[in-house]
Amino acid sequence: MSVQGISHTGQYLTFKLDNEIYAMDITTVREVLDIIRITKVPQMPDFMCGVINLRGRVVPVVDLRLKFGLKEATSLKEACIVIIEISLDDEETVLGILVDTVQEVISLEPEQIDPPPRIGTRLKTEFIKGMGKKDEEFIIILETAKVFSAEELAIVQTADDMPMPEAPEGADAREEHVDQV
């Protein structure tokens, strides 16, 4: 049984959070970065790590573990920031998502994707586009545009108006957030 609206082979970037495999449509992904310095911003929601300087542009970074109600990572050794672009009120918003590790890009046929379960997941099911199956493993395919509410993304968009602090030479990656881990 395939998911309604998925009628062709799709490519997905897979990544891990708390030993579970997640995926998002590759068309929303701009790039994957190693951990770089993240500057904390006052009065942001707990799941917002802060902002990064991406080639002179202020990009907010969300800790996807905290967004999904998981415990904060104990190690950032293999962590990455996935830069995505999503639409908010017909305006493109660039956002960084902190994940434990990035796995690979995979192709899934429509018949390899089942509808999201109605019970038994740690996520709200409206975030889940479907459950992919590959080599006896389940992959939680996220509906990227629904992971964040309009209010949350409005907060993120205001970050574009903030001046970007310059990172000192040799600044420790994710300096503020690492202290908490």
N, C-alpha and C. Protein backbone atom coordinates (compact mmCIF):
# COMPACT_ATOMS: atom_id res chain seq x y z
N MET A 1 0.85 -1.17 0.00
CA MET A 1 0.00 0.00 0.00
C MET A 1 0.90 1.24 0.00
N SER A 2 0.74 2.10 -0.98
CA SER A 2 1.57 3.29 -1.06
C SER A 2 0.80 4.51 -0.54
N VAL A 3 1.53 5.61 -0.37
CA VAL A 3 0.96 6.83 0.17
C VAL A 3 0.32 7.63 -0.96
N GLN A 4 -0.87 8.15 -0.69
CA GLN A 4 -1.55 8.98 -1.68
C GLN A 4 -0.69 10.20 -1.97
N GLY A 5 -0.55 10.55 -3.22
CA GLY A 5 0.26 11.69 -3.63
C GLY A 5 1.69 11.33 -3.99
N ILE A 6 2.13 10.13 -3.67
CA ILE A 6 3.47 9.67 -4.08
C ILE A 6 3.27 8.68 -5.20
N SER A 7 3.52 9.14 -6.42
CA SER A 7 3.24 8.29 -7.58
C SER A 7 4.47 7.96 -8.40
N HIS A 8 5.62 8.49 -8.02
CA HIS A 8 6.85 8.21 -8.76
C HIS A 8 8.01 7.98 -7.79
N THR A 9 9.08 7.42 -8.32
CA THR A 9 10.27 7.18 -7.51
C THR A 9 10.80 8.51 -6.99
N GLY A 10 11.08 8.56 -5.70
CA GLY A 10 11.60 9.79 -5.11
C GLY A 10 12.97 9.55 -4.50
N GLN A 11 13.75 10.62 -4.42
CA GLN A 11 15.04 10.54 -3.76
C GLN A 11 14.96 11.26 -2.43
N TYR A 12 15.58 10.64 -1.42
CA TYR A 12 15.49 11.14 -0.06
C TYR A 12 16.87 11.14 0.59
N LEU A 13 17.16 12.21 1.34
CA LEU A 13 18.37 12.26 2.16
C LEU A 13 18.02 11.59 3.49
N THR A 14 18.79 10.57 3.87
CA THR A 14 18.53 9.89 5.14
C THR A 14 19.52 10.37 6.19
N PHE A 15 19.04 10.40 7.43
CA PHE A 15 19.87 10.82 8.56
C PHE A 15 19.34 10.14 9.81
N LYS A 16 20.16 10.14 10.86
CA LYS A 16 19.77 9.51 12.12
C LYS A 16 19.53 10.54 13.20
N LEU A 17 18.55 10.21 14.02
CA LEU A 17 18.27 10.90 15.26
C LEU A 17 17.98 9.82 16.28
N ASP A 18 18.75 9.76 17.34
CA ASP A 18 18.50 8.80 18.41
C ASP A 18 18.35 7.37 17.88
N ASN A 19 19.23 6.97 17.00
CA ASN A 19 19.28 5.62 16.41
C ASN A 19 18.10 5.25 15.52
N GLU A 20 17.25 6.21 15.17
CA GLU A 20 16.18 5.98 14.20
C GLU A 20 16.58 6.66 12.90
N ILE A 21 16.16 6.05 11.78
CA ILE A 21 16.49 6.62 10.47
C ILE A 21 15.32 7.46 9.99
N TYR A 22 15.63 8.69 9.62
CA TYR A 22 14.66 9.64 9.08
C TYR A 22 15.09 9.99 7.66
N ALA A 23 14.16 10.57 6.92
CA ALA A 23 14.49 11.01 5.56
C ALA A 23 13.67 12.23 5.22
N MET A 24 14.20 13.02 4.30
CA MET A 24 13.45 14.14 3.74
C MET A 24 13.70 14.19 2.25
N ASP A 25 12.71 14.68 1.53
CA ASP A 25 12.80 14.78 0.09
C ASP A 25 14.04 15.59 -0.28
N ILE A 26 14.84 15.05 -1.17
CA ILE A 26 16.11 15.67 -1.54
C ILE A 26 15.91 17.05 -2.18
N THR A 27 14.72 17.30 -2.73
CA THR A 27 14.48 18.59 -3.38
C THR A 27 14.43 19.74 -2.38
N THR A 28 14.25 19.46 -1.08
CA THR A 28 14.25 20.52 -0.07
C THR A 28 15.65 20.79 0.48
N VAL A 29 16.59 19.90 0.20
CA VAL A 29 17.94 20.00 0.76
C VAL A 29 18.84 20.83 -0.15
N ARG A 30 19.49 21.84 0.44
CA ARG A 30 20.44 22.66 -0.31
C ARG A 30 21.86 22.13 -0.17
N GLU A 31 22.24 21.77 1.08
CA GLU A 31 23.58 21.26 1.32
C GLU A 31 23.67 20.67 2.71
N VAL A 32 24.76 19.97 2.96
CA VAL A 32 25.03 19.38 4.28
C VAL A 32 26.37 19.94 4.75
N LEU A 33 26.38 20.44 5.99
CA LEU A 33 27.58 21.05 6.55
C LEU A 33 28.06 20.26 7.76
N ASP A 34 29.37 20.23 7.94
CA ASP A 34 29.91 19.78 9.21
C ASP A 34 29.51 20.84 10.23
N ILE A 35 29.60 20.50 11.49
CA ILE A 35 29.26 21.45 12.55
C ILE A 35 30.17 22.68 12.46
N ILE A 36 29.54 23.84 12.49
CA ILE A 36 30.27 25.11 12.54
C ILE A 36 29.75 25.88 13.75
N ARG A 37 30.38 26.99 14.05
CA ARG A 37 29.99 27.79 15.22
C ARG A 37 28.55 28.26 15.07
N ILE A 38 27.76 28.02 16.14
CA ILE A 38 26.37 28.45 16.19
C ILE A 38 26.27 29.52 17.28
N THR A 39 25.72 30.68 16.91
CA THR A 39 25.57 31.78 17.83
C THR A 39 24.18 31.74 18.44
N LYS A 40 24.11 31.69 19.78
CA LYS A 40 22.81 31.68 20.46
C LYS A 40 22.13 33.03 20.28
N VAL A 41 20.80 32.98 20.17
CA VAL A 41 19.98 34.19 20.04
C VAL A 41 18.98 34.19 21.20
N PRO A 42 18.91 35.28 21.96
CA PRO A 42 18.00 35.33 23.10
C PRO A 42 16.53 35.16 22.68
N GLN A 43 15.75 34.56 23.57
CA GLN A 43 14.30 34.41 23.44
C GLN A 43 13.85 33.56 22.26
N MET A 44 14.70 32.69 21.80
CA MET A 44 14.28 31.72 20.77
C MET A 44 13.72 30.50 21.49
N PRO A 45 12.86 29.73 20.83
CA PRO A 45 12.36 28.49 21.45
C PRO A 45 13.53 27.56 21.78
N ASP A 46 13.32 26.66 22.75
CA ASP A 46 14.39 25.76 23.22
C ASP A 46 15.03 24.96 22.10
N PHE A 47 14.24 24.56 21.11
CA PHE A 47 14.78 23.72 20.04
C PHE A 47 15.60 24.51 19.02
N MET A 48 15.61 25.84 19.14
CA MET A 48 16.42 26.66 18.24
C MET A 48 17.82 26.79 18.84
N CYS A 49 18.81 26.24 18.14
CA CYS A 49 20.20 26.32 18.63
C CYS A 49 20.72 27.74 18.56
N GLY A 50 20.33 28.46 17.52
CA GLY A 50 20.83 29.79 17.27
C GLY A 50 20.94 30.01 15.77
N VAL A 51 21.94 30.79 15.36
CA VAL A 51 22.12 31.10 13.94
C VAL A 51 23.57 30.82 13.52
N ILE A 52 23.74 30.56 12.24
CA ILE A 52 25.08 30.40 11.67
C ILE A 52 25.26 31.43 10.57
N ASN A 53 26.51 31.67 10.25
CA ASN A 53 26.88 32.54 9.15
C ASN A 53 27.17 31.63 7.95
N LEU A 54 26.25 31.61 7.00
CA LEU A 54 26.41 30.78 5.81
C LEU A 54 26.70 31.70 4.63
N ARG A 55 27.99 31.87 4.34
CA ARG A 55 28.44 32.74 3.27
C ARG A 55 27.81 34.14 3.36
N GLY A 56 27.83 34.69 4.61
CA GLY A 56 27.34 36.04 4.83
C GLY A 56 25.85 36.15 5.10
N ARG A 57 25.15 35.04 5.08
CA ARG A 57 23.70 35.04 5.32
C ARG A 57 23.42 34.43 6.69
N VAL A 58 22.50 35.04 7.43
CA VAL A 58 22.09 34.52 8.73
C VAL A 58 21.11 33.37 8.49
N VAL A 59 21.47 32.18 9.01
CA VAL A 59 20.61 31.01 8.86
C VAL A 59 20.33 30.42 10.24
N PRO A 60 19.06 30.39 10.64
CA PRO A 60 18.69 29.78 11.92
C PRO A 60 18.92 28.27 11.89
N VAL A 61 19.28 27.70 13.05
CA VAL A 61 19.53 26.27 13.14
C VAL A 61 18.62 25.68 14.22
N VAL A 62 17.92 24.60 13.86
CA VAL A 62 17.01 23.90 14.75
C VAL A 62 17.64 22.58 15.14
N ASP A 63 17.62 22.26 16.44
CA ASP A 63 18.05 20.95 16.90
C ASP A 63 16.83 20.04 16.75
N LEU A 64 16.85 19.18 15.74
CA LEU A 64 15.70 18.35 15.43
C LEU A 64 15.38 17.38 16.56
N ARG A 65 16.39 16.96 17.30
CA ARG A 65 16.14 16.09 18.46
C ARG A 65 15.20 16.80 19.44
N LEU A 66 15.53 18.04 19.79
CA LEU A 66 14.72 18.79 20.76
C LEU A 66 13.35 19.12 20.18
N LYS A 67 13.30 19.42 18.91
CA LYS A 67 12.02 19.71 18.25
C LYS A 67 11.08 18.52 18.36
N PHE A 68 11.63 17.32 18.28
CA PHE A 68 10.82 16.10 18.34
C PHE A 68 10.67 15.55 19.75
N GLY A 69 11.14 16.29 20.76
CA GLY A 69 10.97 15.86 22.14
C GLY A 69 11.94 14.78 22.57
N LEU A 70 13.04 14.60 21.85
CA LEU A 70 14.07 13.63 22.23
C LEU A 70 15.08 14.31 23.14
N LYS A 71 15.92 13.52 23.77
CA LYS A 71 16.98 14.07 24.62
C LYS A 71 18.06 14.70 23.74
N GLU A 72 18.71 15.71 24.30
CA GLU A 72 19.81 16.36 23.60
C GLU A 72 20.94 15.36 23.37
N ALA A 73 21.62 15.48 22.25
CA ALA A 73 22.72 14.57 21.90
C ALA A 73 23.83 14.65 22.94
N THR A 74 24.43 13.50 23.24
CA THR A 74 25.55 13.47 24.18
C THR A 74 26.88 13.73 23.48
N SER A 75 26.89 13.58 22.16
CA SER A 75 28.11 13.81 21.38
C SER A 75 27.74 14.45 20.06
N LEU A 76 28.58 15.36 19.62
CA LEU A 76 28.37 16.01 18.32
C LEU A 76 29.44 15.58 17.32
N LYS A 77 30.15 14.49 17.64
CA LYS A 77 31.28 14.06 16.82
C LYS A 77 30.89 13.84 15.35
N GLU A 78 29.75 13.22 15.10
CA GLU A 78 29.32 12.95 13.73
C GLU A 78 28.16 13.83 13.28
N ALA A 79 27.75 14.78 14.13
CA ALA A 79 26.60 15.63 13.82
C ALA A 79 26.85 16.49 12.59
N CYS A 80 25.77 16.82 11.92
CA CYS A 80 25.81 17.66 10.73
C CYS A 80 24.66 18.66 10.78
N ILE A 81 24.80 19.70 10.01
CA ILE A 81 23.72 20.66 9.82
C ILE A 81 23.24 20.50 8.37
N VAL A 82 21.98 20.12 8.22
CA VAL A 82 21.39 19.99 6.89
C VAL A 82 20.69 21.32 6.59
N ILE A 83 21.11 21.96 5.53
CA ILE A 83 20.51 23.24 5.13
C ILE A 83 19.36 22.92 4.18
N ILE A 84 18.15 23.35 4.58
CA ILE A 84 16.97 23.09 3.76
C ILE A 84 16.32 24.41 3.35
N GLU A 85 15.49 24.33 2.35
CA GLU A 85 14.71 25.49 1.92
C GLU A 85 13.25 25.07 1.89
N ILE A 86 12.43 25.77 2.67
CA ILE A 86 11.01 25.47 2.72
C ILE A 86 10.20 26.73 2.45
N SER A 87 8.96 26.56 2.07
CA SER A 87 8.11 27.68 1.72
C SER A 87 7.23 28.07 2.90
N LEU A 88 7.16 29.36 3.17
CA LEU A 88 6.29 29.91 4.19
C LEU A 88 5.55 31.09 3.58
N ASP A 89 4.24 30.97 3.48
CA ASP A 89 3.43 32.02 2.86
C ASP A 89 4.01 32.43 1.50
N ASP A 90 4.31 31.46 0.69
CA ASP A 90 4.85 31.65 -0.66
C ASP A 90 6.21 32.34 -0.68
N GLU A 91 6.92 32.32 0.45
CA GLU A 91 8.27 32.87 0.52
C GLU A 91 9.22 31.77 0.95
N GLU A 92 10.34 31.64 0.24
CA GLU A 92 11.31 30.60 0.58
C GLU A 92 12.10 30.99 1.83
N THR A 93 12.22 30.04 2.76
CA THR A 93 12.94 30.24 4.00
C THR A 93 14.06 29.20 4.09
N VAL A 94 15.27 29.66 4.37
CA VAL A 94 16.41 28.77 4.51
C VAL A 94 16.60 28.51 6.00
N LEU A 95 16.81 27.23 6.33
CA LEU A 95 16.88 26.80 7.71
C LEU A 95 17.91 25.69 7.83
N GLY A 96 18.65 25.68 8.94
CA GLY A 96 19.58 24.59 9.22
C GLY A 96 18.95 23.63 10.21
N ILE A 97 19.14 22.34 9.99
CA ILE A 97 18.61 21.31 10.88
C ILE A 97 19.77 20.49 11.40
N LEU A 98 19.94 20.48 12.72
CA LEU A 98 21.00 19.71 13.36
C LEU A 98 20.54 18.27 13.50
N VAL A 99 21.31 17.33 12.95
CA VAL A 99 20.99 15.90 13.02
C VAL A 99 22.21 15.15 13.56
N ASP A 100 21.99 13.92 14.06
CA ASP A 100 23.09 13.14 14.64
C ASP A 100 24.12 12.76 13.59
N THR A 101 23.67 12.18 12.49
CA THR A 101 24.55 11.81 11.37
C THR A 101 23.74 11.82 10.10
N VAL A 102 24.40 12.15 9.01
CA VAL A 102 23.77 12.04 7.69
C VAL A 102 24.20 10.70 7.12
N GLN A 103 23.26 9.95 6.55
CA GLN A 103 23.52 8.61 6.05
C GLN A 103 23.86 8.63 4.56
N GLU A 104 22.80 8.73 3.72
CA GLU A 104 22.98 8.64 2.27
C GLU A 104 21.74 9.17 1.58
N VAL A 105 21.83 9.29 0.26
CA VAL A 105 20.66 9.61 -0.55
C VAL A 105 20.17 8.28 -1.11
N ILE A 106 18.87 8.03 -0.92
CA ILE A 106 18.28 6.78 -1.40
C ILE A 106 17.12 7.08 -2.32
N SER A 107 16.79 6.11 -3.16
CA SER A 107 15.60 6.18 -4.01
C SER A 107 14.59 5.20 -3.47
N LEU A 108 13.34 5.64 -3.39
CA LEU A 108 12.27 4.76 -2.95
C LEU A 108 11.13 4.80 -3.98
N GLU A 109 10.65 3.62 -4.31
CA GLU A 109 9.50 3.49 -5.20
C GLU A 109 8.23 3.75 -4.38
N PRO A 110 7.15 4.19 -5.00
CA PRO A 110 5.91 4.43 -4.25
C PRO A 110 5.45 3.23 -3.43
N GLU A 111 5.64 2.02 -3.97
CA GLU A 111 5.20 0.83 -3.24
C GLU A 111 6.10 0.50 -2.04
N GLN A 112 7.23 1.19 -1.90
CA GLN A 112 8.11 1.01 -0.74
C GLN A 112 7.74 1.96 0.41
N ILE A 113 6.70 2.77 0.22
CA ILE A 113 6.32 3.77 1.22
C ILE A 113 4.87 3.52 1.66
N ASP A 114 4.71 3.28 2.96
CA ASP A 114 3.38 3.09 3.54
C ASP A 114 2.94 4.38 4.21
N PRO A 115 1.63 4.55 4.41
CA PRO A 115 1.15 5.72 5.14
C PRO A 115 1.69 5.72 6.56
N PRO A 116 1.76 6.90 7.19
CA PRO A 116 2.26 6.96 8.57
C PRO A 116 1.32 6.21 9.51
N PRO A 117 1.88 5.64 10.57
CA PRO A 117 1.02 4.96 11.54
C PRO A 117 0.18 5.97 12.31
N ARG A 118 -0.94 5.54 12.79
CA ARG A 118 -1.81 6.43 13.57
C ARG A 118 -1.43 6.46 15.04
N ILE A 119 -0.73 5.42 15.52
CA ILE A 119 -0.31 5.39 16.91
C ILE A 119 1.10 4.80 16.98
N GLY A 120 1.74 4.95 18.11
CA GLY A 120 3.01 4.26 18.34
C GLY A 120 4.24 4.97 17.83
N THR A 121 4.15 6.28 17.52
CA THR A 121 5.36 7.00 17.14
C THR A 121 5.59 8.13 18.14
N ARG A 122 6.83 8.58 18.22
CA ARG A 122 7.16 9.68 19.12
C ARG A 122 6.86 11.02 18.48
N LEU A 123 6.54 11.03 17.21
CA LEU A 123 6.26 12.27 16.50
C LEU A 123 4.77 12.44 16.31
N LYS A 124 4.36 13.68 16.14
CA LYS A 124 3.00 13.91 15.69
C LYS A 124 2.95 13.38 14.26
N THR A 125 1.92 12.63 13.94
CA THR A 125 1.93 11.98 12.63
C THR A 125 1.75 12.94 11.46
N GLU A 126 1.31 14.18 11.70
CA GLU A 126 1.21 15.11 10.57
C GLU A 126 2.60 15.49 10.05
N PHE A 127 3.65 15.26 10.83
CA PHE A 127 5.02 15.50 10.39
C PHE A 127 5.49 14.42 9.43
N ILE A 128 4.83 13.27 9.47
CA ILE A 128 5.31 12.11 8.73
C ILE A 128 4.58 11.96 7.40
N LYS A 129 5.35 11.99 6.34
CA LYS A 129 4.79 11.80 5.00
C LYS A 129 4.50 10.33 4.75
N GLY A 130 5.38 9.47 5.27
CA GLY A 130 5.20 8.03 5.09
C GLY A 130 6.30 7.27 5.78
N MET A 131 6.15 5.95 5.76
CA MET A 131 7.15 5.05 6.34
C MET A 131 7.78 4.27 5.20
N GLY A 132 9.02 4.60 4.89
CA GLY A 132 9.74 3.90 3.82
C GLY A 132 10.29 2.59 4.33
N LYS A 133 10.43 1.64 3.41
CA LYS A 133 11.00 0.34 3.77
C LYS A 133 12.17 0.07 2.84
N LYS A 134 13.32 -0.20 3.45
CA LYS A 134 14.52 -0.53 2.68
C LYS A 134 15.32 -1.56 3.46
N ASP A 135 15.55 -2.72 2.86
CA ASP A 135 16.35 -3.78 3.50
C ASP A 135 15.88 -4.08 4.92
N GLU A 136 14.62 -4.31 5.11
CA GLU A 136 14.03 -4.68 6.40
C GLU A 136 14.08 -3.56 7.45
N GLU A 137 14.47 -2.36 7.06
CA GLU A 137 14.48 -1.23 7.99
C GLU A 137 13.37 -0.26 7.61
N PHE A 138 12.80 0.36 8.63
CA PHE A 138 11.83 1.42 8.39
C PHE A 138 12.55 2.76 8.40
N ILE A 139 12.10 3.63 7.53
CA ILE A 139 12.65 4.97 7.43
C ILE A 139 11.48 5.94 7.58
N ILE A 140 11.56 6.82 8.56
CA ILE A 140 10.50 7.80 8.80
C ILE A 140 10.72 8.96 7.83
N ILE A 141 9.83 9.08 6.85
CA ILE A 141 9.94 10.14 5.85
C ILE A 141 9.17 11.35 6.35
N LEU A 142 9.90 12.44 6.57
CA LEU A 142 9.30 13.65 7.11
C LEU A 142 8.63 14.49 6.04
N GLU A 143 7.53 15.10 6.41
CA GLU A 143 6.87 16.12 5.59
C GLU A 143 7.48 17.44 6.05
N THR A 144 8.59 17.81 5.43
CA THR A 144 9.43 18.91 5.90
C THR A 144 8.64 20.20 6.15
N ALA A 145 7.73 20.52 5.25
CA ALA A 145 6.97 21.76 5.39
C ALA A 145 6.05 21.75 6.60
N LYS A 146 5.72 20.57 7.14
CA LYS A 146 4.81 20.49 8.28
C LYS A 146 5.53 20.29 9.61
N VAL A 147 6.83 20.13 9.59
CA VAL A 147 7.58 19.91 10.83
C VAL A 147 7.53 21.17 11.70
N PHE A 148 7.45 22.32 11.08
CA PHE A 148 7.45 23.58 11.80
C PHE A 148 6.13 24.29 11.59
N SER A 149 5.63 24.93 12.65
CA SER A 149 4.38 25.70 12.53
C SER A 149 4.68 27.04 11.88
N ALA A 150 3.65 27.69 11.41
CA ALA A 150 3.81 29.01 10.78
C ALA A 150 4.41 30.00 11.77
N GLU A 151 4.01 29.93 13.05
CA GLU A 151 4.55 30.85 14.05
C GLU A 151 6.04 30.61 14.25
N GLU A 152 6.43 29.34 14.32
CA GLU A 152 7.84 29.02 14.50
C GLU A 152 8.67 29.53 13.33
N LEU A 153 8.16 29.35 12.13
CA LEU A 153 8.89 29.81 10.96
C LEU A 153 8.90 31.33 10.87
N ALA A 154 7.88 31.99 11.39
CA ALA A 154 7.88 33.45 11.41
C ALA A 154 9.02 33.95 12.30
N ILE A 155 9.25 33.26 13.43
CA ILE A 155 10.37 33.60 14.31
C ILE A 155 11.68 33.41 13.55
N VAL A 156 11.77 32.31 12.82
CA VAL A 156 12.96 32.01 12.03
C VAL A 156 13.20 33.08 10.99
N GLN A 157 12.14 33.53 10.31
CA GLN A 157 12.31 34.53 9.27
C GLN A 157 12.83 35.84 9.81
N THR A 158 12.45 36.21 11.05
CA THR A 158 12.95 37.46 11.61
C THR A 158 14.46 37.41 11.83
N ALA A 159 15.01 36.22 11.92
CA ALA A 159 16.45 36.09 12.09
C ALA A 159 17.20 36.64 10.88
N ASP A 160 16.55 36.63 9.71
CA ASP A 160 17.19 37.19 8.52
C ASP A 160 17.49 38.67 8.68
N ASP A 161 16.76 39.35 9.56
CA ASP A 161 16.96 40.78 9.76
C ASP A 161 18.04 41.09 10.79
N MET A 162 18.53 40.07 11.48
CA MET A 162 19.53 40.28 12.53
C MET A 162 20.92 40.39 11.93
N PRO A 163 21.77 41.25 12.50
CA PRO A 163 23.15 41.30 12.03
C PRO A 163 23.86 40.01 12.44
N MET A 164 24.71 39.52 11.56
CA MET A 164 25.43 38.27 11.83
C MET A 164 26.72 38.58 12.55
N PRO A 165 26.90 38.07 13.77
CA PRO A 165 28.18 38.26 14.45
C PRO A 165 29.27 37.51 13.71
N GLU A 166 30.43 38.11 13.68
CA GLU A 166 31.54 37.45 12.99
C GLU A 166 32.17 36.44 13.93
N ALA A 167 32.49 35.29 13.38
CA ALA A 167 33.12 34.25 14.17
C ALA A 167 34.61 34.55 14.27
N PRO A 168 35.15 34.51 15.48
CA PRO A 168 36.60 34.72 15.61
C PRO A 168 37.35 33.56 14.97
N GLU A 169 38.55 33.84 14.52
CA GLU A 169 39.37 32.80 13.91
C GLU A 169 39.54 31.64 14.88
N GLY A 170 39.34 30.43 14.37
CA GLY A 170 39.52 29.23 15.19
C GLY A 170 38.42 29.02 16.22
N ALA A 171 37.28 29.71 16.06
CA ALA A 171 36.18 29.57 17.02
C ALA A 171 35.70 28.13 17.05
N ASP A 172 35.40 27.68 18.24
CA ASP A 172 34.94 26.31 18.42
C ASP A 172 33.55 26.15 17.83
N ALA A 173 33.34 25.07 17.12
CA ALA A 173 32.05 24.79 16.50
C ALA A 173 30.98 24.67 17.57
N ARG A 174 29.86 25.30 17.29
CA ARG A 174 28.69 25.21 18.16
C ARG A 174 29.07 25.50 19.60
N GLU A 175 29.86 26.53 19.76
CA GLU A 175 30.48 26.90 21.02
C GLU A 175 29.48 26.94 22.17
N GLU A 176 28.40 27.67 22.01
CA GLU A 176 27.43 27.83 23.09
C GLU A 176 26.71 26.51 23.38
N HIS A 177 26.31 25.80 22.36
CA HIS A 177 25.49 24.60 22.53
C HIS A 177 26.33 23.43 23.06
N VAL A 178 27.59 23.36 22.69
CA VAL A 178 28.44 22.25 23.11
C VAL A 178 28.58 22.23 24.64
N ASP A 179 28.61 23.41 25.25
CA ASP A 179 28.73 23.49 26.70
C ASP A 179 27.59 22.77 27.40
N GLN A 180 26.43 22.71 26.77
CA GLN A 180 25.27 22.09 27.37
C GLN A 180 25.24 20.58 27.16
N VAL A 181 26.01 20.08 26.23
CA VAL A 181 25.95 18.65 25.88
C VAL A 181 26.85 17.84 26.78
